[in-house]
Amino acid sequence: MEYGPPPTKAPFSGAAPSPKPQPGGRAQSAAESRTVGIPPIGLAGTLCIPNGATALVVFAHGSGSSRFSQRNMAVAEALNEQGIATLLFDLLTSEEEVNRANVFDIPLLAERVVDAVEWAGREPLTQHLRIGLFGASTGAAAALVAAAQLGECIGAIVSRGGRPDLAGAVLDYIRTPTLLIVGGVDFTVIELNERAFARLRGPKALEIVPGASHLFPEPGTLKAVIGHAADWFQRYLSPTLPD
């Protein structure tokens, strides 16, 4: 299900040199990876910037996870291969993680996402990049709430097995292009996503991956997530729209 055409985007300035084509049409995307600290409290993160990147995807992981989430790292690596920069970071400090209530504190998690996006907007390496958000589980709600606060600073959102319903009333104000990806046998989460989907106001799509459960462990299901997410980010975070 999808509504609305892609919004018009102005060309970016200050982007790194374009990646060189390789045989078979794949771009060369050698990436520079570095450990960073997100202010104001120094949340640990991993920033990876491929050659020629014009977009950055900031990840908001789900409950009980961190920047070392194997699934999010797999998605990030695939995006890097397509020339998209990524930022995986811890939304909570080790002390905060001890209190399980913080894992479900959507306003707190959203505030951390906003901090990360604002930091990226100030950093010389990333300030020229168009920004998207990728949220998993409760991180999807945090991404949506953050996008509502950041407005046009966010070009696209993707949710993997997310709980967008936890964003509450904010859903009625989201106009950022949003893709919800849900497993085909994750029945309760499908229903929650369908309800949230109906309330989104901008360009949107709901993709249900056949045979996939909540964490997409089944063969080929995470690859399907990666394909849908990459297509969405390429569509809405590209410097210029295709003819």
Protein backbone atom coordinates (compact mmCIF):
# COMPACT_ATOMS: atom_id res chain seq x y z
CA MET A 1 0.00 0.00 0.00
CA GLU A 2 1.43 3.36 -0.95
CA TYR A 3 0.23 6.88 -1.32
CA GLY A 4 1.71 10.11 -2.60
CA PRO A 5 4.54 10.90 -5.02
CA PRO A 6 8.09 11.49 -3.84
CA PRO A 7 8.64 15.09 -2.72
CA THR A 8 10.81 17.42 -4.78
CA LYS A 9 14.35 17.65 -3.45
CA ALA A 10 16.99 20.25 -4.19
CA PRO A 11 20.50 19.07 -5.10
CA PHE A 12 22.87 18.79 -2.19
CA SER A 13 26.04 20.82 -1.85
CA GLY A 14 29.34 19.66 -0.46
CA ALA A 15 28.86 15.95 -1.19
CA ALA A 16 31.88 13.69 -1.46
CA PRO A 17 33.00 12.56 -4.94
CA SER A 18 30.59 10.20 -6.68
CA PRO A 19 31.37 6.47 -6.37
CA LYS A 20 32.97 4.81 -9.39
CA PRO A 21 30.89 2.21 -11.23
CA GLN A 22 32.01 -1.38 -11.02
CA PRO A 23 31.30 -4.23 -13.44
CA GLY A 24 27.64 -5.18 -13.23
CA GLY A 25 26.54 -1.64 -12.38
CA ARG A 26 27.30 -1.73 -8.63
CA ALA A 27 28.92 1.41 -7.26
CA GLN A 28 32.27 1.21 -5.53
CA SER A 29 31.46 2.09 -1.90
CA ALA A 30 34.64 1.76 0.14
CA ALA A 31 33.56 3.10 3.52
CA GLU A 32 35.34 4.86 6.35
CA SER A 33 34.17 3.65 9.77
CA ARG A 34 34.85 5.40 13.05
CA THR A 35 33.69 5.33 16.66
CA VAL A 36 31.94 8.51 17.76
CA GLY A 37 30.37 9.97 20.90
CA ILE A 38 26.96 11.62 20.59
CA PRO A 39 26.58 14.70 22.80
CA PRO A 40 25.48 15.85 25.27
CA ILE A 41 26.21 12.66 27.25
CA GLY A 42 28.60 10.91 24.86
CA LEU A 43 26.45 8.02 23.66
CA ALA A 44 28.69 5.55 21.82
CA GLY A 45 28.15 5.12 18.11
CA THR A 46 29.64 3.76 14.91
CA LEU A 47 29.62 6.08 11.91
CA CYS A 48 30.32 4.58 8.49
CA ILE A 49 30.61 6.84 5.43
CA PRO A 50 31.07 5.29 1.96
CA ASN A 51 32.84 7.18 -0.80
CA GLY A 52 30.48 9.59 -2.50
CA ALA A 53 27.70 9.30 0.10
CA THR A 54 24.93 11.89 -0.16
CA ALA A 55 22.68 10.43 2.55
CA LEU A 56 22.96 9.22 6.14
CA VAL A 57 20.64 6.75 7.87
CA VAL A 58 20.50 7.00 11.66
CA PHE A 59 19.44 3.76 13.40
CA ALA A 60 17.19 3.57 16.46
CA HIS A 61 17.41 0.04 17.84
CA GLY A 62 14.70 -1.77 19.75
CA SER A 63 14.34 -2.88 23.35
CA GLY A 64 17.18 -4.98 24.71
CA SER A 65 19.44 -4.17 21.77
CA SER A 66 22.35 -1.81 21.06
CA ARG A 67 24.54 -0.49 18.26
CA PHE A 68 25.85 -4.06 17.98
CA SER A 69 22.47 -5.48 16.92
CA GLN A 70 23.36 -8.12 14.32
CA ARG A 71 20.23 -7.39 12.28
CA ASN A 72 20.73 -3.64 12.21
CA MET A 73 24.41 -4.09 11.44
CA ALA A 74 23.46 -6.28 8.46
CA VAL A 75 21.06 -3.61 7.19
CA ALA A 76 23.67 -0.90 7.72
CA GLU A 77 26.34 -2.86 5.84
CA ALA A 78 23.99 -3.35 2.91
CA LEU A 79 23.18 0.35 2.82
CA ASN A 80 26.90 1.16 2.92
CA GLU A 81 27.39 -1.07 -0.12
CA GLN A 82 24.84 1.10 -1.93
CA GLY A 83 26.66 4.30 -1.01
CA ILE A 84 24.51 5.35 1.97
CA ALA A 85 26.24 6.40 5.21
CA THR A 86 25.00 4.94 8.50
CA LEU A 87 25.09 5.78 12.18
CA LEU A 88 24.46 3.01 14.69
CA PHE A 89 24.47 4.26 18.26
CA ASP A 90 23.37 3.34 21.77
CA LEU A 91 20.21 5.17 22.78
CA LEU A 92 20.89 4.53 26.48
CA THR A 93 23.97 4.51 28.69
CA SER A 94 24.91 1.28 30.46
CA GLU A 95 23.56 2.75 33.70
CA GLU A 96 20.24 3.67 32.08
CA GLU A 97 19.83 0.19 30.60
CA VAL A 98 19.68 -1.28 34.10
CA ASN A 99 16.25 0.33 34.52
CA ARG A 100 14.06 -1.59 32.06
CA ALA A 101 11.50 1.22 32.11
CA ASN A 102 13.94 3.33 30.09
CA VAL A 103 13.80 0.80 27.24
CA PHE A 104 10.14 1.70 26.72
CA ASP A 105 10.45 5.42 27.46
CA ILE A 106 9.63 6.64 23.95
CA PRO A 107 10.05 10.39 24.69
CA LEU A 108 13.53 9.69 26.14
CA LEU A 109 14.54 7.49 23.20
CA ALA A 110 13.20 10.05 20.72
CA GLU A 111 15.22 12.77 22.44
CA ARG A 112 18.36 10.68 21.90
CA VAL A 113 17.53 10.28 18.21
CA VAL A 114 17.07 14.05 17.92
CA ASP A 115 20.45 14.56 19.63
CA ALA A 116 22.09 12.23 17.09
CA VAL A 117 20.51 13.96 14.10
CA GLU A 118 21.43 17.41 15.37
CA TRP A 119 24.98 16.24 16.01
CA ALA A 120 25.20 14.90 12.44
CA GLY A 121 23.97 18.25 11.18
CA ARG A 122 26.91 19.99 12.86
CA GLU A 123 29.68 17.54 11.97
CA PRO A 124 31.76 18.49 8.91
CA LEU A 125 31.75 14.87 7.67
CA THR A 126 27.97 14.55 7.73
CA GLN A 127 26.42 18.02 7.70
CA HIS A 128 25.89 17.91 3.92
CA LEU A 129 24.07 14.55 4.01
CA ARG A 130 20.33 14.07 3.66
CA ILE A 131 19.11 12.17 6.74
CA GLY A 132 16.83 9.17 7.07
CA LEU A 133 15.83 7.14 10.14
CA PHE A 134 15.66 3.36 10.54
CA GLY A 135 13.83 2.10 13.61
CA ALA A 136 13.30 -1.42 14.94
CA SER A 137 10.73 -2.46 17.56
CA THR A 138 10.35 0.41 20.07
CA GLY A 139 13.02 2.29 18.12
CA ALA A 140 10.48 2.77 15.33
CA ALA A 141 8.25 4.79 17.65
CA ALA A 142 11.26 6.82 18.79
CA ALA A 143 12.17 7.52 15.16
CA LEU A 144 8.64 8.71 14.37
CA VAL A 145 8.47 10.99 17.40
CA ALA A 146 11.91 12.40 16.56
CA ALA A 147 10.87 12.98 12.93
CA ALA A 148 7.81 14.92 14.09
CA GLN A 149 10.12 17.21 16.06
CA LEU A 150 12.76 17.54 13.34
CA GLY A 151 10.35 18.13 10.44
CA GLU A 152 12.04 18.63 7.06
CA CYS A 153 15.43 17.62 8.48
CA ILE A 154 14.31 14.00 8.00
CA GLY A 155 13.84 12.78 4.44
CA ALA A 156 12.59 9.22 5.05
CA ILE A 157 11.75 6.69 7.77
CA VAL A 158 11.84 2.89 7.69
CA SER A 159 10.44 0.68 10.46
CA ARG A 160 11.46 -3.00 10.79
CA GLY A 161 9.13 -5.08 12.94
CA GLY A 162 8.35 -1.82 14.68
CA ARG A 163 5.83 -0.56 17.16
CA PRO A 164 4.78 2.68 15.46
CA ASP A 165 1.61 2.63 17.55
CA LEU A 166 3.74 3.65 20.56
CA ALA A 167 4.29 7.02 18.90
CA GLY A 168 0.72 7.87 19.92
CA ALA A 169 -0.86 11.12 18.77
CA VAL A 170 2.31 12.05 16.87
CA LEU A 171 1.24 9.68 14.07
CA ASP A 172 -1.43 12.13 12.96
CA TYR A 173 1.26 14.72 12.17
CA ILE A 174 3.87 12.59 10.40
CA ARG A 175 4.37 13.75 6.81
CA THR A 176 7.82 12.28 6.31
CA PRO A 177 7.81 9.42 3.76
CA THR A 178 7.46 6.32 5.95
CA LEU A 179 7.85 2.62 5.16
CA LEU A 180 6.57 0.03 7.64
CA ILE A 181 8.00 -3.50 7.22
CA VAL A 182 6.37 -6.35 9.15
CA GLY A 183 6.77 -10.12 9.20
CA GLY A 184 3.93 -12.07 7.60
CA VAL A 185 3.37 -14.28 10.66
CA ASP A 186 3.87 -11.49 13.20
CA PHE A 187 0.10 -11.15 13.42
CA THR A 188 -0.29 -8.82 16.40
CA VAL A 189 2.37 -6.45 15.09
CA ILE A 190 0.77 -6.49 11.63
CA GLU A 191 -2.47 -5.24 13.14
CA LEU A 192 -0.69 -2.52 15.13
CA ASN A 193 1.18 -1.40 12.01
CA GLU A 194 -1.98 -1.33 9.92
CA ARG A 195 -3.62 0.96 12.46
CA ALA A 196 -0.58 3.24 12.57
CA PHE A 197 -0.31 3.21 8.78
CA ALA A 198 -3.85 4.56 8.42
CA ARG A 199 -2.94 7.60 10.52
CA LEU A 200 0.24 8.64 8.70
CA ARG A 201 -0.24 11.72 6.53
CA GLY A 202 2.73 11.68 4.17
CA PRO A 203 3.88 9.27 1.43
CA LYS A 204 3.75 5.81 2.97
CA ALA A 205 3.97 2.10 2.30
CA LEU A 206 3.36 -1.09 4.28
CA GLU A 207 5.37 -4.14 3.25
CA ILE A 208 4.55 -7.55 4.76
CA VAL A 209 7.35 -10.09 4.33
CA PRO A 210 5.84 -13.56 3.74
CA GLY A 211 6.79 -16.22 6.29
CA ALA A 212 8.71 -13.85 8.54
CA SER A 213 8.28 -13.67 12.31
CA HIS A 214 9.04 -10.67 14.50
CA LEU A 215 12.85 -10.75 14.33
CA PHE A 216 13.08 -11.95 10.69
CA PRO A 217 15.29 -14.99 11.47
CA GLU A 218 13.85 -17.10 8.66
CA PRO A 219 16.06 -17.65 5.58
CA GLY A 220 15.81 -14.78 3.13
CA THR A 221 13.50 -12.62 5.24
CA LEU A 222 16.12 -10.14 6.46
CA LYS A 223 17.36 -9.87 2.88
CA ALA A 224 13.83 -8.85 1.91
CA VAL A 225 13.85 -6.20 4.65
CA ILE A 226 17.14 -4.87 3.33
CA GLY A 227 15.80 -4.69 -0.20
CA HIS A 228 12.67 -2.79 0.79
CA ALA A 229 14.61 -0.41 3.07
CA ALA A 230 17.33 0.31 0.50
CA ASP A 231 14.77 1.03 -2.21
CA TRP A 232 12.90 3.43 0.09
CA PHE A 233 15.98 5.34 1.14
CA GLN A 234 17.32 5.51 -2.41
CA ARG A 235 13.98 6.87 -3.58
CA TYR A 236 13.53 9.57 -0.95
CA LEU A 237 17.10 10.45 0.01
CA SER A 238 18.55 10.76 -3.49
CA PRO A 239 20.05 14.16 -4.34
CA THR A 240 17.76 14.45 -7.37
CA LEU A 241 14.63 12.65 -8.41
CA PRO A 242 14.69 10.30 -11.41
CA ASP A 243 13.07 11.43 -14.64
